[in-house]
PDB file of N, CA and C in Angstrom:
ATOM      1  N   GLU A   1     118.207 128.050 127.350  1.00  0.00           N
ATOM      2  CA  GLU A   1     118.223 128.712 128.461  1.00  0.00           C
ATOM      3  C   GLU A   1     119.689 129.434 128.349  1.00  0.00           C
ATOM      4  N   PRO A   2     119.409 130.640 128.828  1.00  0.00           N
ATOM      5  CA  PRO A   2     120.807 131.632 128.333  1.00  0.00           C
ATOM      6  C   PRO A   2     122.191 131.241 129.248  1.00  0.00           C
ATOM      7  N   VAL A   3     122.997 131.356 128.673  1.00  0.00           N
ATOM      8  CA  VAL A   3     124.355 131.021 129.313  1.00  0.00           C
ATOM      9  C   VAL A   3     125.109 132.349 129.794  1.00  0.00           C
ATOM     10  N   SER A   4     125.565 132.496 130.996  1.00  0.00           N
ATOM     11  CA  SER A   4     126.080 133.689 131.499  1.00  0.00           C
ATOM     12  C   SER A   4     127.645 133.535 131.388  1.00  0.00           C
ATOM     13  N   PHE A   5     128.305 134.528 131.107  1.00  0.00           N
ATOM     14  CA  PHE A   5     129.980 134.329 131.166  1.00  0.00           C
ATOM     15  C   PHE A   5     130.261 135.747 131.263  1.00  0.00           C
ATOM     16  N   GLU A   6     131.419 136.029 131.692  1.00  0.00           N
ATOM     17  CA  GLU A   6     132.303 137.299 131.979  1.00  0.00           C
ATOM     18  C   GLU A   6     133.707 137.451 131.426  1.00  0.00           C
ATOM     19  N   ILE A   7     133.916 138.418 130.643  1.00  0.00           N
ATOM     20  CA  ILE A   7     135.299 138.614 130.034  1.00  0.00           C
ATOM     21  C   ILE A   7     135.886 139.810 131.197  1.00  0.00           C
ATOM     22  N   LYS A   8     137.135 139.293 131.678  1.00  0.00           N
ATOM     23  CA  LYS A   8     137.393 140.222 132.884  1.00  0.00           C
ATOM     24  C   LYS A   8     138.846 140.952 132.285  1.00  0.00           C
ATOM     25  N   LYS A   9     138.917 142.377 132.633  1.00  0.00           N
ATOM     26  CA  LYS A   9     140.335 142.921 132.149  1.00  0.00           C
ATOM     27  C   LYS A   9     141.378 142.216 132.536  1.00  0.00           C
ATOM     28  N   GLY A  10     142.382 141.978 131.343  1.00  0.00           N
ATOM     29  CA  GLY A  10     143.629 141.601 131.579  1.00  0.00           C
ATOM     30  C   GLY A  10     143.758 139.855 131.400  1.00  0.00           C
ATOM     31  N   MET A  11     142.429 139.477 131.118  1.00  0.00           N
ATOM     32  CA  MET A  11     142.328 138.037 130.601  1.00  0.00           C
ATOM     33  C   MET A  11     143.163 137.519 129.251  1.00  0.00           C
ATOM     34  N   THR A  12     143.885 136.447 129.681  1.00  0.00           N
ATOM     35  CA  THR A  12     144.763 136.216 128.345  1.00  0.00           C
ATOM     36  C   THR A  12     144.460 134.969 127.779  1.00  0.00           C
ATOM     37  N   LYS A  13     143.428 133.994 128.480  1.00  0.00           N
ATOM     38  CA  LYS A  13     143.238 132.768 128.078  1.00  0.00           C
ATOM     39  C   LYS A  13     141.655 132.857 127.224  1.00  0.00           C
ATOM     40  N   VAL A  14     141.475 131.992 126.395  1.00  0.00           N
ATOM     41  CA  VAL A  14     140.287 132.076 125.606  1.00  0.00           C
ATOM     42  C   VAL A  14     139.191 131.673 126.276  1.00  0.00           C
ATOM     43  N   LEU A  15     138.094 132.099 126.811  1.00  0.00           N
ATOM     44  CA  LEU A  15     137.177 131.643 127.278  1.00  0.00           C
ATOM     45  C   LEU A  15     136.382 130.338 126.325  1.00  0.00           C
ATOM     46  N   SER A  16     136.272 129.243 126.864  1.00  0.00           N
ATOM     47  CA  SER A  16     135.740 128.222 126.101  1.00  0.00           C
ATOM     48  C   SER A  16     134.028 127.864 126.615  1.00  0.00           C
ATOM     49  N   LEU A  17     133.205 127.739 125.974  1.00  0.00           N
ATOM     50  CA  LEU A  17     131.982 127.473 126.436  1.00  0.00           C
ATOM     51  C   LEU A  17     131.425 126.185 125.813  1.00  0.00           C
ATOM     52  N   LYS A  18     130.598 125.391 126.120  1.00  0.00           N
ATOM     53  CA  LYS A  18     130.226 124.296 125.529  1.00  0.00           C
ATOM     54  C   LYS A  18     128.672 123.965 126.118  1.00  0.00           C
ATOM     55  N   ILE A  19     127.944 124.041 124.872  1.00  0.00           N
ATOM     56  CA  ILE A  19     126.429 124.340 125.067  1.00  0.00           C
ATOM     57  C   ILE A  19     125.976 123.033 124.506  1.00  0.00           C
ATOM     58  N   GLU A  20     125.267 122.334 125.493  1.00  0.00           N
ATOM     59  CA  GLU A  20     124.548 121.343 124.655  1.00  0.00           C
ATOM     60  C   GLU A  20     123.153 121.191 124.693  1.00  0.00           C
ATOM     61  N   ASN A  21     122.617 120.855 123.413  1.00  0.00           N
ATOM     62  CA  ASN A  21     121.215 120.427 123.136  1.00  0.00           C
ATOM     63  C   ASN A  21     120.761 119.081 123.029  1.00  0.00           C
ATOM     64  N   GLU A  22     119.542 119.104 123.482  1.00  0.00           N
ATOM     65  CA  GLU A  22     118.759 118.023 123.406  1.00  0.00           C
ATOM     66  C   GLU A  22     117.913 117.926 122.383  1.00  0.00           C
ATOM     67  N   LEU A  23     118.015 116.586 121.875  1.00  0.00           N
ATOM     68  CA  LEU A  23     117.066 116.494 120.735  1.00  0.00           C
ATOM     69  C   LEU A  23     115.515 116.382 121.215  1.00  0.00           C
ATOM     70  N   VAL A  24     114.606 116.737 120.392  1.00  0.00           N
ATOM     71  CA  VAL A  24     113.149 116.565 120.792  1.00  0.00           C
ATOM     72  C   VAL A  24     112.589 116.600 119.644  1.00  0.00           C
ATOM     73  N   ASP A  25     111.216 116.220 119.810  1.00  0.00           N
ATOM     74  CA  ASP A  25     110.018 116.431 118.913  1.00  0.00           C
ATOM     75  C   ASP A  25     110.599 115.474 117.589  1.00  0.00           C
ATOM     76  N   LYS A  26     110.254 114.006 117.840  1.00  0.00           N
ATOM     77  CA  LYS A  26     110.529 113.091 117.008  1.00  0.00           C
ATOM     78  C   LYS A  26     108.870 112.651 117.028  1.00  0.00           C
ATOM     79  N   GLY A  27     108.731 111.960 115.795  1.00  0.00           N
ATOM     80  CA  GLY A  27     107.419 111.361 115.734  1.00  0.00           C
ATOM     81  C   GLY A  27     107.291 110.114 115.178  1.00  0.00           C
ATOM     82  N   ASN A  28     106.233 109.232 115.312  1.00  0.00           N
ATOM     83  CA  ASN A  28     106.075 107.875 114.873  1.00  0.00           C
ATOM     84  C   ASN A  28     104.985 107.617 114.021  1.00  0.00           C
ATOM     85  N   VAL A  29     104.729 106.869 113.080  1.00  0.00           N
ATOM     86  CA  VAL A  29     103.691 106.622 112.197  1.00  0.00           C
ATOM     87  C   VAL A  29     103.651 105.001 112.129  1.00  0.00           C
ATOM     88  N   GLU A  30     102.480 104.759 112.179  1.00  0.00           N
ATOM     89  CA  GLU A  30     102.104 103.196 112.145  1.00  0.00           C
ATOM     90  C   GLU A  30     101.160 103.326 110.743  1.00  0.00           C
ATOM     91  N   VAL A  31     101.480 102.332 109.761  1.00  0.00           N
ATOM     92  CA  VAL A  31     100.746 102.410 108.266  1.00  0.00           C
ATOM     93  C   VAL A  31      99.986 100.885 108.671  1.00  0.00           C
ATOM     94  N   THR A  32      98.908 100.833 108.172  1.00  0.00           N
ATOM     95  CA  THR A  32      98.066  99.386 107.856  1.00  0.00           C
ATOM     96  C   THR A  32      97.472  99.374 106.499  1.00  0.00           C
ATOM     97  N   LYS A  33      97.965  98.552 105.929  1.00  0.00           N
ATOM     98  CA  LYS A  33      97.670  98.102 104.358  1.00  0.00           C
ATOM     99  C   LYS A  33      96.752  97.156 104.398  1.00  0.00           C
ATOM    100  N   VAL A  34      95.525  97.447 103.801  1.00  0.00           N
ATOM    101  CA  VAL A  34      94.489  96.561 103.458  1.00  0.00           C
ATOM    102  C   VAL A  34      93.959  96.420 102.044  1.00  0.00           C
ATOM    103  N   ASP A  35      93.290  95.494 101.816  1.00  0.00           N
ATOM    104  CA  ASP A  35      92.506  95.179 100.429  1.00  0.00           C
ATOM    105  C   ASP A  35      91.598  96.256 100.434  1.00  0.00           C
ATOM    106  N   LYS A  36      91.137  96.967  99.572  1.00  0.00           N
ATOM    107  CA  LYS A  36      90.464  98.101  99.246  1.00  0.00           C
ATOM    108  C   LYS A  36      88.958  97.520  99.316  1.00  0.00           C
ATOM    109  N   GLU A  37      88.691  96.171  98.449  1.00  0.00           N
ATOM    110  CA  GLU A  37      87.419  96.042  98.895  1.00  0.00           C
ATOM    111  C   GLU A  37      87.018  95.085  99.784  1.00  0.00           C
ATOM    112  N   SER A  38      87.964  94.035 100.381  1.00  0.00           N
ATOM    113  CA  SER A  38      87.547  93.137 101.461  1.00  0.00           C
ATOM    114  C   SER A  38      88.018  93.727 102.962  1.00  0.00           C
ATOM    115  N   GLY A  39      88.796  94.669 103.017  1.00  0.00           N
ATOM    116  CA  GLY A  39      89.284  95.151 103.914  1.00  0.00           C
ATOM    117  C   GLY A  39      90.408  94.220 104.882  1.00  0.00           C
ATOM    118  N   THR A  40      90.643  93.079 103.913  1.00  0.00           N
ATOM    119  CA  THR A  40      91.827  92.159 104.682  1.00  0.00           C
ATOM    120  C   THR A  40      93.121  92.619 104.677  1.00  0.00           C
ATOM    121  N   VAL A  41      93.765  92.509 105.766  1.00  0.00           N
ATOM    122  CA  VAL A  41      95.084  93.205 106.073  1.00  0.00           C
ATOM    123  C   VAL A  41      96.341  92.479 105.135  1.00  0.00           C
ATOM    124  N   LEU A  42      97.034  93.303 104.691  1.00  0.00           N
ATOM    125  CA  LEU A  42      98.091  92.693 103.718  1.00  0.00           C
ATOM    126  C   LEU A  42      99.544  92.611 104.110  1.00  0.00           C
ATOM    127  N   ALA A  43      99.926  91.267 104.251  1.00  0.00           N
ATOM    128  CA  ALA A  43     101.252  91.225 104.845  1.00  0.00           C
ATOM    129  C   ALA A  43     102.325  91.251 103.865  1.00  0.00           C
ATOM    130  N   GLY A  44     103.362  91.889 103.950  1.00  0.00           N
ATOM    131  CA  GLY A  44     104.626  91.842 102.980  1.00  0.00           C
ATOM    132  C   GLY A  44     104.636  92.952 101.875  1.00  0.00           C
ATOM    133  N   VAL A  45     103.942  94.140 102.227  1.00  0.00           N
ATOM    134  CA  VAL A  45     104.104  95.197 100.970  1.00  0.00           C
ATOM    135  C   VAL A  45     104.906  96.043 101.854  1.00  0.00           C
ATOM    136  N   THR A  46     105.958  96.621 100.936  1.00  0.00           N
ATOM    137  CA  THR A  46     107.129  97.571 101.414  1.00  0.00           C
ATOM    138  C   THR A  46     106.789  98.541 100.632  1.00  0.00           C
ATOM    139  N   PHE A  47     107.286 100.001 101.968  1.00  0.00           N
ATOM    140  CA  PHE A  47     107.053 101.206 101.470  1.00  0.00           C
ATOM    141  C   PHE A  47     108.145 101.760 101.740  1.00  0.00           C
ATOM    142  N   GLU A  48     108.696 102.855 101.038  1.00  0.00           N
ATOM    143  CA  GLU A  48     109.708 103.841 101.407  1.00  0.00           C
ATOM    144  C   GLU A  48     109.328 105.106 102.266  1.00  0.00           C
ATOM    145  N   VAL A  49     109.810 105.519 103.099  1.00  0.00           N
ATOM    146  CA  VAL A  49     109.250 106.894 103.534  1.00  0.00           C
ATOM    147  C   VAL A  49     110.562 107.858 103.004  1.00  0.00           C
ATOM    148  N   GLN A  50     109.964 108.850 102.413  1.00  0.00           N
ATOM    149  CA  GLN A  50     110.795 109.907 101.503  1.00  0.00           C
ATOM    150  C   GLN A  50     110.639 111.250 102.425  1.00  0.00           C
ATOM    151  N   ASP A  51     111.848 111.863 102.516  1.00  0.00           N
ATOM    152  CA  ASP A  51     111.621 113.133 102.894  1.00  0.00           C
ATOM    153  C   ASP A  51     111.226 114.028 101.951  1.00  0.00           C
ATOM    154  N   GLU A  52     111.113 115.473 101.839  1.00  0.00           N
ATOM    155  CA  GLU A  52     110.710 116.519 101.219  1.00  0.00           C
ATOM    156  C   GLU A  52     111.207 116.413  99.777  1.00  0.00           C
ATOM    157  N   LYS A  53     112.571 116.261  99.936  1.00  0.00           N
ATOM    158  CA  LYS A  53     113.495 116.152  98.556  1.00  0.00           C
ATOM    159  C   LYS A  53     113.417 114.883  98.028  1.00  0.00           C
ATOM    160  N   GLY A  54     112.775 114.014  98.670  1.00  0.00           N
ATOM    161  CA  GLY A  54     112.481 112.434  97.705  1.00  0.00           C
ATOM    162  C   GLY A  54     113.641 111.803  98.345  1.00  0.00           C
ATOM    163  N   LYS A  55     114.180 111.957  99.268  1.00  0.00           N
ATOM    164  CA  LYS A  55     115.469 110.918  99.906  1.00  0.00           C
ATOM    165  C   LYS A  55     114.719 110.068 100.455  1.00  0.00           C
ATOM    166  N   VAL A  56     115.359 108.776 100.243  1.00  0.00           N
ATOM    167  CA  VAL A  56     114.938 107.775 101.426  1.00  0.00           C
ATOM    168  C   VAL A  56     115.244 107.666 102.637  1.00  0.00           C
ATOM    169  N   VAL A  57     114.348 107.950 103.479  1.00  0.00           N
ATOM    170  CA  VAL A  57     114.681 107.913 105.058  1.00  0.00           C
ATOM    171  C   VAL A  57     114.764 106.797 105.571  1.00  0.00           C
ATOM    172  N   THR A  58     113.668 105.761 104.969  1.00  0.00           N
ATOM    173  CA  THR A  58     113.944 104.152 105.523  1.00  0.00           C
ATOM    174  C   THR A  58     112.772 103.324 104.817  1.00  0.00           C
ATOM    175  N   LYS A  59     112.788 102.296 104.924  1.00  0.00           N
ATOM    176  CA  LYS A  59     111.975 101.314 104.314  1.00  0.00           C
ATOM    177  C   LYS A  59     111.337 100.248 105.379  1.00  0.00           C
ATOM    178  N   VAL A  60     110.092 100.440 105.292  1.00  0.00           N
ATOM    179  CA  VAL A  60     109.420  99.525 106.104  1.00  0.00           C
ATOM    180  C   VAL A  60     108.637  98.440 105.254  1.00  0.00           C
ATOM    181  N   THR A  61     108.356  97.183 105.954  1.00  0.00           N
ATOM    182  CA  THR A  61     107.433  95.955 105.338  1.00  0.00           C
ATOM    183  C   THR A  61     106.313  95.448 106.327  1.00  0.00           C
ATOM    184  N   THR A  62     104.890  95.697 105.836  1.00  0.00           N
ATOM    185  CA  THR A  62     104.237  95.356 106.865  1.00  0.00           C
ATOM    186  C   THR A  62     104.218  93.729 107.183  1.00  0.00           C
ATOM    187  N   ASP A  63     103.707  93.718 108.574  1.00  0.00           N
ATOM    188  CA  ASP A  63     103.620  92.406 109.206  1.00  0.00           C
ATOM    189  C   ASP A  63     102.481  91.633 109.128  1.00  0.00           C
ATOM    190  N   LYS A  64     102.256  90.524 109.751  1.00  0.00           N
ATOM    191  CA  LYS A  64     101.186  89.740 109.545  1.00  0.00           C
ATOM    192  C   LYS A  64      99.790  90.322 109.623  1.00  0.00           C
ATOM    193  N   GLU A  65     100.029  91.511 110.424  1.00  0.00           N
ATOM    194  CA  GLU A  65      98.624  92.221 111.086  1.00  0.00           C
ATOM    195  C   GLU A  65      98.341  93.340 109.897  1.00  0.00           C
ATOM    196  N   GLY A  66      99.326  93.247 108.936  1.00  0.00           N
ATOM    197  CA  GLY A  66      99.251  94.308 108.040  1.00  0.00           C
ATOM    198  C   GLY A  66      99.729  95.710 108.293  1.00  0.00           C
ATOM    199  N   LYS A  67     100.484  95.691 109.294  1.00  0.00           N
ATOM    200  CA  LYS A  67     100.974  97.113 109.994  1.00  0.00           C
ATOM    201  C   LYS A  67     102.584  97.048 109.712  1.00  0.00           C
ATOM    202  N   ALA A  68     103.090  98.484 109.464  1.00  0.00           N
ATOM    203  CA  ALA A  68     104.599  98.597 109.484  1.00  0.00           C
ATOM    204  C   ALA A  68     104.593 100.057 110.301  1.00  0.00           C
ATOM    205  N   ASN A  69     105.539 100.027 111.025  1.00  0.00           N
ATOM    206  CA  ASN A  69     105.815 100.880 111.778  1.00  0.00           C
ATOM    207  C   ASN A  69     107.082 101.833 111.671  1.00  0.00           C
ATOM    208  N   VAL A  70     107.138 103.121 111.773  1.00  0.00           N
ATOM    209  CA  VAL A  70     108.271 103.794 111.570  1.00  0.00           C
ATOM    210  C   VAL A  70     108.372 104.742 112.915  1.00  0.00           C
ATOM    211  N   SER A  71     109.600 104.874 113.289  1.00  0.00           N
ATOM    212  CA  SER A  71     109.873 105.708 114.646  1.00  0.00           C
ATOM    213  C   SER A  71     110.986 106.605 114.212  1.00  0.00           C
ATOM    214  N   GLY A  72     110.941 107.510 115.208  1.00  0.00           N
ATOM    215  CA  GLY A  72     112.306 108.458 115.283  1.00  0.00           C
ATOM    216  C   GLY A  72     112.193 109.345 114.484  1.00  0.00           C
ATOM    217  N   LEU A  73     110.898 109.535 113.380  1.00  0.00           N
ATOM    218  CA  LEU A  73     111.207 110.823 112.452  1.00  0.00           C
ATOM    219  C   LEU A  73     111.041 112.153 112.802  1.00  0.00           C
ATOM    220  N   PHE A  74     112.025 112.757 112.327  1.00  0.00           N
ATOM    221  CA  PHE A  74     112.118 114.347 113.018  1.00  0.00           C
ATOM    222  C   PHE A  74     111.018 115.132 112.298  1.00  0.00           C
ATOM    223  N   ILE A  75     110.834 116.313 113.099  1.00  0.00           N
ATOM    224  CA  ILE A  75     109.954 117.016 112.472  1.00  0.00           C
ATOM    225  C   ILE A  75     110.003 117.528 111.065  1.00  0.00           C
ATOM    226  N   GLY A  76     108.904 117.216 110.216  1.00  0.00           N
ATOM    227  CA  GLY A  76     109.223 117.600 108.818  1.00  0.00           C
ATOM    228  C   GLY A  76     107.893 117.184 107.955  1.00  0.00           C
ATOM    229  N   LYS A  77     108.105 117.170 106.607  1.00  0.00           N
ATOM    230  CA  LYS A  77     107.141 116.372 105.487  1.00  0.00           C
ATOM    231  C   LYS A  77     107.840 115.244 105.148  1.00  0.00           C
ATOM    232  N   TYR A  78     106.773 114.212 104.589  1.00  0.00           N
ATOM    233  CA  TYR A  78     107.459 113.076 104.503  1.00  0.00           C
ATOM    234  C   TYR A  78     106.404 112.426 103.454  1.00  0.00           C
ATOM    235  N   LYS A  79     106.792 111.478 102.571  1.00  0.00           N
ATOM    236  CA  LYS A  79     105.631 110.908 101.732  1.00  0.00           C
ATOM    237  C   LYS A  79     106.098 109.567 101.663  1.00  0.00           C
ATOM    238  N   LEU A  80     104.790 108.399 101.950  1.00  0.00           N
ATOM    239  CA  LEU A  80     104.915 107.275 101.758  1.00  0.00           C
ATOM    240  C   LEU A  80     104.735 106.695 100.782  1.00  0.00           C
ATOM    241  N   VAL A  81     105.613 105.859 100.229  1.00  0.00           N
ATOM    242  CA  VAL A  81     105.735 105.349  98.485  1.00  0.00           C
ATOM    243  C   VAL A  81     105.738 103.797  98.645  1.00  0.00           C
ATOM    244  N   GLU A  82     104.806 103.332  98.273  1.00  0.00           N
ATOM    245  CA  GLU A  82     104.538 101.813  98.097  1.00  0.00           C
ATOM    246  C   GLU A  82     105.771 101.329  97.058  1.00  0.00           C
ATOM    247  N   VAL A  83     106.592 100.400  97.305  1.00  0.00           N
ATOM    248  CA  VAL A  83     107.500 100.330  96.242  1.00  0.00           C
ATOM    249  C   VAL A  83     107.645  98.837  96.198  1.00  0.00           C
ATOM    250  N   GLU A  84     106.637  97.807  96.752  1.00  0.00           N
ATOM    251  CA  GLU A  84     106.740  96.241  96.438  1.00  0.00           C
ATOM    252  C   GLU A  84     105.650  95.729  97.185  1.00  0.00           C
ATOM    253  N   SER A  85     104.606  95.745  95.912  1.00  0.00           N
ATOM    254  CA  SER A  85     103.226  95.209  96.471  1.00  0.00           C
ATOM    255  C   SER A  85     103.231  93.457  96.078  1.00  0.00           C
ATOM    256  N   LEU A  86     102.174  92.963  96.351  1.00  0.00           N
ATOM    257  CA  LEU A  86     101.588  91.834  96.476  1.00  0.00           C
ATOM    258  C   LEU A  86     101.167  91.255  95.034  1.00  0.00           C
ATOM    259  N   PRO A  87     101.388  90.135  94.885  1.00  0.00           N
ATOM    260  CA  PRO A  87     100.818  89.642  93.470  1.00  0.00           C
ATOM    261  C   PRO A  87      99.229  90.029  93.149  1.00  0.00           C
ATOM    262  N   GLY A  88      99.188  90.523  91.950  1.00  0.00           N
ATOM    263  CA  GLY A  88      97.650  90.809  91.661  1.00  0.00           C
ATOM    264  C   GLY A  88      97.383  92.066  92.095  1.00  0.00           C
ATOM    265  N   TYR A  89      97.989  93.015  92.894  1.00  0.00           N
ATOM    266  CA  TYR A  89      97.838  94.215  93.436  1.00  0.00           C
ATOM    267  C   TYR A  89      98.320  95.514  92.666  1.00  0.00           C
ATOM    268  N   LYS A  90      98.114  96.319  92.351  1.00  0.00           N
ATOM    269  CA  LYS A  90      98.621  97.856  91.892  1.00  0.00           C
ATOM    270  C   LYS A  90      99.192  98.447  93.146  1.00  0.00           C
ATOM    271  N   LYS A  91     100.562  99.050  92.923  1.00  0.00           N
ATOM    272  CA  LYS A  91     101.204  99.938  93.860  1.00  0.00           C
ATOM    273  C   LYS A  91     100.382 101.291  94.112  1.00  0.00           C
TER     274      LYS A  91
END
């Protein structure tokens, strides 16, 4: 919203304006890791969430239901990279 102010003739003080912004547009992601052949959910698999430049934003590990949740991501592009798999599985 526009902020109105007025400069008057003869003013000697500096006019100070405080403009506040509210953060919006954050998103959430839920990952489910499953065995490719059986569809069985896989717990204990760790992923990195990386931003466009490859910087690690956070790490998450799948729970007993094979799910990992990431919340509070700002608008942007991300990559999900599996960094720790289970024995016998490829990353």
